[in-house]
């Protein structure tokens, strides 16, 4: 649903503005959303230049490294 997607885009941007640079897992935790949904929308925000890789990585809940994203 496009309207739902627009809200998720805005929610991701708002979370990054409020909480600062965050991984997809951290953003999803802040928003109470599934990480895969947040990651997909965050990727689209990256593709249009609104969100960029901070150059930092943090451990994800699974122990793998996750990119920390920030507002462009």
PDB file of N, CA and C in Angstrom:
ATOM      1  N   UNK A   1       0.844  -1.180   0.000  1.00  0.00           N
ATOM      2  CA  UNK A   1       0.000   0.000   0.000  1.00  0.00           C
ATOM      3  C   UNK A   1       0.886   1.239   0.000  1.00  0.00           C
ATOM      4  N   UNK A   2       0.729   2.098  -1.005  1.00  0.00           N
ATOM      5  CA  UNK A   2       1.603   3.273  -1.139  1.00  0.00           C
ATOM      6  C   UNK A   2       1.473   4.246   0.022  1.00  0.00           C
ATOM      7  N   UNK A   3       0.249   4.438   0.527  1.00  0.00           N
ATOM      8  CA  UNK A   3       0.093   5.347   1.659  1.00  0.00           C
ATOM      9  C   UNK A   3       0.825   4.822   2.881  1.00  0.00           C
ATOM     10  N   UNK A   4       0.732   3.535   3.129  1.00  0.00           N
ATOM     11  CA  UNK A   4       1.440   2.933   4.259  1.00  0.00           C
ATOM     12  C   UNK A   4       2.948   3.096   4.069  1.00  0.00           C
ATOM     13  N   UNK A   5       3.433   2.886   2.834  1.00  0.00           N
ATOM     14  CA  UNK A   5       4.858   3.028   2.558  1.00  0.00           C
ATOM     15  C   UNK A   5       5.333   4.444   2.842  1.00  0.00           C
ATOM     16  N   UNK A   6       4.528   5.450   2.450  1.00  0.00           N
ATOM     17  CA  UNK A   6       4.920   6.839   2.699  1.00  0.00           C
ATOM     18  C   UNK A   6       5.081   7.094   4.185  1.00  0.00           C
ATOM     19  N   UNK A   7       4.198   6.520   4.991  1.00  0.00           N
ATOM     20  CA  UNK A   7       4.301   6.696   6.445  1.00  0.00           C
ATOM     21  C   UNK A   7       5.577   6.043   6.971  1.00  0.00           C
ATOM     22  N   UNK A   8       5.911   4.880   6.456  1.00  0.00           N
ATOM     23  CA  UNK A   8       7.145   4.216   6.905  1.00  0.00           C
ATOM     24  C   UNK A   8       8.363   5.054   6.520  1.00  0.00           C
ATOM     25  N   UNK A   9       8.381   5.624   5.302  1.00  0.00           N
ATOM     26  CA  UNK A   9       9.497   6.505   4.910  1.00  0.00           C
ATOM     27  C   UNK A   9       9.654   7.624   5.927  1.00  0.00           C
ATOM     28  N   UNK A  10       8.547   8.297   6.227  1.00  0.00           N
ATOM     29  CA  UNK A  10       8.593   9.424   7.168  1.00  0.00           C
ATOM     30  C   UNK A  10       8.992   8.961   8.556  1.00  0.00           C
ATOM     31  N   UNK A  11       8.495   7.800   8.967  1.00  0.00           N
ATOM     32  CA  UNK A  11       8.855   7.260  10.282  1.00  0.00           C
ATOM     33  C   UNK A  11      10.356   6.981  10.370  1.00  0.00           C
ATOM     34  N   UNK A  12      10.933   6.421   9.315  1.00  0.00           N
ATOM     35  CA  UNK A  12      12.377   6.133   9.298  1.00  0.00           C
ATOM     36  C   UNK A  12      13.161   7.441   9.395  1.00  0.00           C
ATOM     37  N   UNK A  13      12.784   8.437   8.603  1.00  0.00           N
ATOM     38  CA  UNK A  13      13.470   9.729   8.652  1.00  0.00           C
ATOM     39  C   UNK A  13      13.335  10.372  10.029  1.00  0.00           C
ATOM     40  N   UNK A  14      12.143  10.305  10.600  1.00  0.00           N
ATOM     41  CA  UNK A  14      11.919  10.873  11.933  1.00  0.00           C
ATOM     42  C   UNK A  14      12.751  10.162  12.996  1.00  0.00           C
ATOM     43  N   UNK A  15      12.845   8.832  12.899  1.00  0.00           N
ATOM     44  CA  UNK A  15      13.642   8.069  13.874  1.00  0.00           C
ATOM     45  C   UNK A  15      15.113   8.467  13.793  1.00  0.00           C
ATOM     46  N   UNK A  16      15.632   8.613  12.582  1.00  0.00           N
ATOM     47  CA  UNK A  16      17.028   9.020  12.433  1.00  0.00           C
ATOM     48  C   UNK A  16      17.244  10.436  12.950  1.00  0.00           C
ATOM     49  N   UNK A  17      16.265  11.308  12.745  1.00  0.00           N
ATOM     50  CA  UNK A  17      16.373  12.684  13.254  1.00  0.00           C
ATOM     51  C   UNK A  17      16.330  12.694  14.786  1.00  0.00           C
ATOM     52  N   UNK A  18      15.457  11.891  15.357  1.00  0.00           N
ATOM     53  CA  UNK A  18      15.280  11.892  16.813  1.00  0.00           C
ATOM     54  C   UNK A  18      16.373  11.136  17.555  1.00  0.00           C
ATOM     55  N   UNK A  19      16.751   9.942  17.053  1.00  0.00           N
ATOM     56  CA  UNK A  19      17.672   9.078  17.773  1.00  0.00           C
ATOM     57  C   UNK A  19      19.098   9.121  17.234  1.00  0.00           C
ATOM     58  N   UNK A  20      19.300   9.784  16.107  1.00  0.00           N
ATOM     59  CA  UNK A  20      20.635   9.862  15.517  1.00  0.00           C
ATOM     60  C   UNK A  20      20.950   8.630  14.694  1.00  0.00           C
ATOM     61  N   UNK A  21      22.187   8.560  14.207  1.00  0.00           N
ATOM     62  CA  UNK A  21      22.589   7.436  13.354  1.00  0.00           C
ATOM     63  C   UNK A  21      22.258   6.095  14.000  1.00  0.00           C
ATOM     64  N   UNK A  22      21.651   5.206  13.203  1.00  0.00           N
ATOM     65  CA  UNK A  22      21.141   3.934  13.723  1.00  0.00           C
ATOM     66  C   UNK A  22      21.220   2.845  12.666  1.00  0.00           C
ATOM     67  N   UNK A  23      21.284   1.602  13.124  1.00  0.00           N
ATOM     68  CA  UNK A  23      21.182   0.459  12.217  1.00  0.00           C
ATOM     69  C   UNK A  23      19.706   0.217  11.892  1.00  0.00           C
ATOM     70  N   UNK A  24      19.451  -0.603  10.891  1.00  0.00           N
ATOM     71  CA  UNK A  24      18.064  -0.968  10.583  1.00  0.00           C
ATOM     72  C   UNK A  24      17.388  -1.611  11.792  1.00  0.00           C
ATOM     73  N   UNK A  25      18.143  -2.417  12.536  1.00  0.00           N
ATOM     74  CA  UNK A  25      17.584  -3.088  13.715  1.00  0.00           C
ATOM     75  C   UNK A  25      17.202  -2.069  14.785  1.00  0.00           C
ATOM     76  N   UNK A  26      18.060  -1.070  14.978  1.00  0.00           N
ATOM     77  CA  UNK A  26      17.768  -0.028  15.963  1.00  0.00           C
ATOM     78  C   UNK A  26      16.569   0.814  15.537  1.00  0.00           C
ATOM     79  N   UNK A  27      16.516   1.164  14.247  1.00  0.00           N
ATOM     80  CA  UNK A  27      15.378   1.930  13.734  1.00  0.00           C
ATOM     81  C   UNK A  27      14.096   1.141  13.942  1.00  0.00           C
ATOM     82  N   UNK A  28      14.119  -0.143  13.598  1.00  0.00           N
ATOM     83  CA  UNK A  28      12.911  -0.961  13.738  1.00  0.00           C
ATOM     84  C   UNK A  28      12.500  -1.062  15.206  1.00  0.00           C
ATOM     85  N   UNK A  29      13.465  -1.120  16.104  1.00  0.00           N
ATOM     86  CA  UNK A  29      13.160  -1.164  17.531  1.00  0.00           C
ATOM     87  C   UNK A  29      12.511   0.143  17.983  1.00  0.00           C
ATOM     88  N   UNK A  30      13.048   1.268  17.551  1.00  0.00           N
ATOM     89  CA  UNK A  30      12.470   2.579  17.891  1.00  0.00           C
ATOM     90  C   UNK A  30      11.029   2.680  17.400  1.00  0.00           C
ATOM     91  N   UNK A  31      10.779   2.127  16.209  1.00  0.00           N
ATOM     92  CA  UNK A  31       9.468   2.275  15.577  1.00  0.00           C
ATOM     93  C   UNK A  31       8.492   1.151  15.915  1.00  0.00           C
ATOM     94  N   UNK A  32       8.995   0.062  16.480  1.00  0.00           N
ATOM     95  CA  UNK A  32       8.129  -1.081  16.749  1.00  0.00           C
ATOM     96  C   UNK A  32       7.677  -1.751  15.459  1.00  0.00           C
ATOM     97  N   UNK A  33       8.560  -1.782  14.470  1.00  0.00           N
ATOM     98  CA  UNK A  33       8.259  -2.382  13.165  1.00  0.00           C
ATOM     99  C   UNK A  33       9.238  -3.518  12.878  1.00  0.00           C
ATOM    100  N   UNK A  34       8.886  -4.333  11.908  1.00  0.00           N
ATOM    101  CA  UNK A  34       9.739  -5.445  11.491  1.00  0.00           C
ATOM    102  C   UNK A  34      10.977  -4.884  10.770  1.00  0.00           C
ATOM    103  N   UNK A  35      12.153  -5.403  11.110  1.00  0.00           N
ATOM    104  CA  UNK A  35      13.407  -4.897  10.541  1.00  0.00           C
ATOM    105  C   UNK A  35      13.446  -5.002   9.024  1.00  0.00           C
ATOM    106  N   UNK A  36      12.874  -6.068   8.448  1.00  0.00           N
ATOM    107  CA  UNK A  36      12.916  -6.201   6.986  1.00  0.00           C
ATOM    108  C   UNK A  36      12.114  -5.098   6.301  1.00  0.00           C
ATOM    109  N   UNK A  37      10.998  -4.695   6.885  1.00  0.00           N
ATOM    110  CA  UNK A  37      10.194  -3.602   6.326  1.00  0.00           C
ATOM    111  C   UNK A  37      10.953  -2.289   6.419  1.00  0.00           C
ATOM    112  N   UNK A  38      11.548  -2.035   7.572  1.00  0.00           N
ATOM    113  CA  UNK A  38      12.327  -0.815   7.768  1.00  0.00           C
ATOM    114  C   UNK A  38      13.521  -0.802   6.818  1.00  0.00           C
ATOM    115  N   UNK A  39      14.209  -1.934   6.698  1.00  0.00           N
ATOM    116  CA  UNK A  39      15.382  -2.013   5.823  1.00  0.00           C
ATOM    117  C   UNK A  39      15.048  -1.738   4.372  1.00  0.00           C
ATOM    118  N   UNK A  40      13.920  -2.235   3.920  1.00  0.00           N
ATOM    119  CA  UNK A  40      13.506  -2.008   2.530  1.00  0.00           C
ATOM    120  C   UNK A  40      13.246  -0.523   2.286  1.00  0.00           C
ATOM    121  N   UNK A  41      12.510   0.112   3.172  1.00  0.00           N
ATOM    122  CA  UNK A  41      12.205   1.542   3.009  1.00  0.00           C
ATOM    123  C   UNK A  41      13.456   2.390   3.178  1.00  0.00           C
ATOM    124  N   UNK A  42      14.304   2.033   4.154  1.00  0.00           N
ATOM    125  CA  UNK A  42      15.556   2.765   4.343  1.00  0.00           C
ATOM    126  C   UNK A  42      16.428   2.649   3.108  1.00  0.00           C
ATOM    127  N   UNK A  43      16.438   1.476   2.481  1.00  0.00           N
ATOM    128  CA  UNK A  43      17.202   1.299   1.244  1.00  0.00           C
ATOM    129  C   UNK A  43      16.705   2.208   0.134  1.00  0.00           C
ATOM    130  N   UNK A  44      15.403   2.363   0.048  1.00  0.00           N
ATOM    131  CA  UNK A  44      14.837   3.258  -0.964  1.00  0.00           C
ATOM    132  C   UNK A  44      15.177   4.716  -0.644  1.00  0.00           C
ATOM    133  N   UNK A  45      15.201   5.066   0.637  1.00  0.00           N
ATOM    134  CA  UNK A  45      15.614   6.421   1.027  1.00  0.00           C
ATOM    135  C   UNK A  45      17.088   6.657   0.708  1.00  0.00           C
ATOM    136  N   UNK A  46      17.901   5.609   0.861  1.00  0.00           N
ATOM    137  CA  UNK A  46      19.314   5.700   0.469  1.00  0.00           C
ATOM    138  C   UNK A  46      19.431   5.917  -1.036  1.00  0.00           C
ATOM    139  N   UNK A  47      18.630   5.174  -1.791  1.00  0.00           N
ATOM    140  CA  UNK A  47      18.699   5.260  -3.252  1.00  0.00           C
ATOM    141  C   UNK A  47      18.389   6.658  -3.780  1.00  0.00           C
ATOM    142  N   UNK A  48      17.565   7.415  -3.053  1.00  0.00           N
ATOM    143  CA  UNK A  48      17.237   8.782  -3.487  1.00  0.00           C
ATOM    144  C   UNK A  48      18.091   9.832  -2.767  1.00  0.00           C
ATOM    145  N   UNK A  49      19.055   9.373  -1.946  1.00  0.00           N
ATOM    146  CA  UNK A  49      20.017  10.284  -1.348  1.00  0.00           C
ATOM    147  C   UNK A  49      19.615  10.947  -0.039  1.00  0.00           C
ATOM    148  N   UNK A  50      18.551  10.464   0.603  1.00  0.00           N
ATOM    149  CA  UNK A  50      18.121  11.077   1.869  1.00  0.00           C
ATOM    150  C   UNK A  50      18.790  10.457   3.086  1.00  0.00           C
ATOM    151  N   UNK A  51      19.282   9.224   2.932  1.00  0.00           N
ATOM    152  CA  UNK A  51      19.938   8.494   4.014  1.00  0.00           C
ATOM    153  C   UNK A  51      21.260   7.965   3.467  1.00  0.00           C
ATOM    154  N   UNK A  52      22.329   8.081   4.268  1.00  0.00           N
ATOM    155  CA  UNK A  52      23.648   7.621   3.824  1.00  0.00           C
ATOM    156  C   UNK A  52      24.313   6.748   4.891  1.00  0.00           C
ATOM    157  N   UNK A  53      25.272   5.960   4.442  1.00  0.00           N
ATOM    158  CA  UNK A  53      26.098   5.117   5.304  1.00  0.00           C
ATOM    159  C   UNK A  53      27.004   6.042   6.123  1.00  0.00           C
ATOM    160  N   UNK A  54      26.977   5.887   7.435  1.00  0.00           N
ATOM    161  CA  UNK A  54      27.793   6.743   8.309  1.00  0.00           C
ATOM    162  C   UNK A  54      29.266   6.339   8.321  1.00  0.00           C
ATOM    163  N   UNK A  55      29.560   5.157   7.783  1.00  0.00           N
ATOM    164  CA  UNK A  55      30.924   4.649   7.843  1.00  0.00           C
ATOM    165  C   UNK A  55      31.191   3.851   9.114  1.00  0.00           C
ATOM    166  N   UNK A  56      30.159   3.713   9.945  1.00  0.00           N
ATOM    167  CA  UNK A  56      30.264   2.974  11.209  1.00  0.00           C
ATOM    168  C   UNK A  56      29.434   1.695  11.094  1.00  0.00           C
ATOM    169  N   UNK A  57      29.889   0.645  11.773  1.00  0.00           N
ATOM    170  CA  UNK A  57      29.102  -0.593  11.864  1.00  0.00           C
ATOM    171  C   UNK A  57      28.986  -0.962  13.331  1.00  0.00           C
ATOM    172  N   UNK A  58      27.829  -1.537  13.683  1.00  0.00           N
ATOM    173  CA  UNK A  58      27.597  -2.039  15.038  1.00  0.00           C
ATOM    174  C   UNK A  58      27.057  -3.457  14.928  1.00  0.00           C
ATOM    175  N   UNK A  59      27.224  -4.203  16.005  1.00  0.00           N
ATOM    176  CA  UNK A  59      26.710  -5.579  16.029  1.00  0.00           C
ATOM    177  C   UNK A  59      25.188  -5.575  16.010  1.00  0.00           C
ATOM    178  N   UNK A  60      24.631  -6.457  15.195  1.00  0.00           N
ATOM    179  CA  UNK A  60      23.181  -6.647  15.144  1.00  0.00           C
ATOM    180  C   UNK A  60      22.793  -7.658  16.226  1.00  0.00           C
ATOM    181  N   UNK A  61      21.494  -7.842  16.446  1.00  0.00           N
ATOM    182  CA  UNK A  61      21.072  -8.849  17.438  1.00  0.00           C
ATOM    183  C   UNK A  61      21.621 -10.249  17.156  1.00  0.00           C
ATOM    184  N   UNK A  62      21.864 -10.555  15.877  1.00  0.00           N
ATOM    185  CA  UNK A  62      22.383 -11.889  15.534  1.00  0.00           C
ATOM    186  C   UNK A  62      23.893 -11.981  15.717  1.00  0.00           C
ATOM    187  N   UNK A  63      24.529 -10.834  15.974  1.00  0.00           N
ATOM    188  CA  UNK A  63      25.986 -10.825  16.147  1.00  0.00           C
ATOM    189  C   UNK A  63      26.737 -10.428  14.892  1.00  0.00           C
ATOM    190  N   UNK A  64      26.040 -10.304  13.766  1.00  0.00           N
ATOM    191  CA  UNK A  64      26.706  -9.862  12.539  1.00  0.00           C
ATOM    192  C   UNK A  64      26.834  -8.336  12.568  1.00  0.00           C
ATOM    193  N   UNK A  65      27.672  -7.794  11.710  1.00  0.00           N
ATOM    194  CA  UNK A  65      27.863  -6.357  11.653  1.00  0.00           C
ATOM    195  C   UNK A  65      26.763  -5.708  10.809  1.00  0.00           C
ATOM    196  N   UNK A  66      26.273  -4.569  11.288  1.00  0.00           N
ATOM    197  CA  UNK A  66      25.212  -3.846  10.584  1.00  0.00           C
ATOM    198  C   UNK A  66      25.655  -2.404  10.336  1.00  0.00           C
ATOM    199  N   UNK A  67      25.337  -1.893   9.176  1.00  0.00           N
ATOM    200  CA  UNK A  67      25.672  -0.514   8.826  1.00  0.00           C
ATOM    201  C   UNK A  67      24.845   0.445   9.685  1.00  0.00           C
ATOM    202  N   UNK A  68      25.493   1.487  10.155  1.00  0.00           N
ATOM    203  CA  UNK A  68      24.814   2.557  10.874  1.00  0.00           C
ATOM    204  C   UNK A  68      24.493   3.644   9.845  1.00  0.00           C
ATOM    205  N   UNK A  69      23.213   3.950   9.710  1.00  0.00           N
ATOM    206  CA  UNK A  69      22.718   4.909   8.720  1.00  0.00           C
ATOM    207  C   UNK A  69      22.482   6.260   9.354  1.00  0.00           C
ATOM    208  N   UNK A  70      22.635   7.319   8.559  1.00  0.00           N
ATOM    209  CA  UNK A  70      22.360   8.669   9.061  1.00  0.00           C
ATOM    210  C   UNK A  70      21.679   9.476   7.966  1.00  0.00           C
ATOM    211  N   UNK A  71      21.065  10.579   8.390  1.00  0.00           N
ATOM    212  CA  UNK A  71      20.459  11.486   7.415  1.00  0.00           C
ATOM    213  C   UNK A  71      21.548  12.128   6.586  1.00  0.00           C
ATOM    214  N   UNK A  72      21.261  12.329   5.307  1.00  0.00           N
ATOM    215  CA  UNK A  72      22.236  12.939   4.394  1.00  0.00           C
ATOM    216  C   UNK A  72      22.387  14.422   4.710  1.00  0.00           C
TER     217      UNK A  72
END
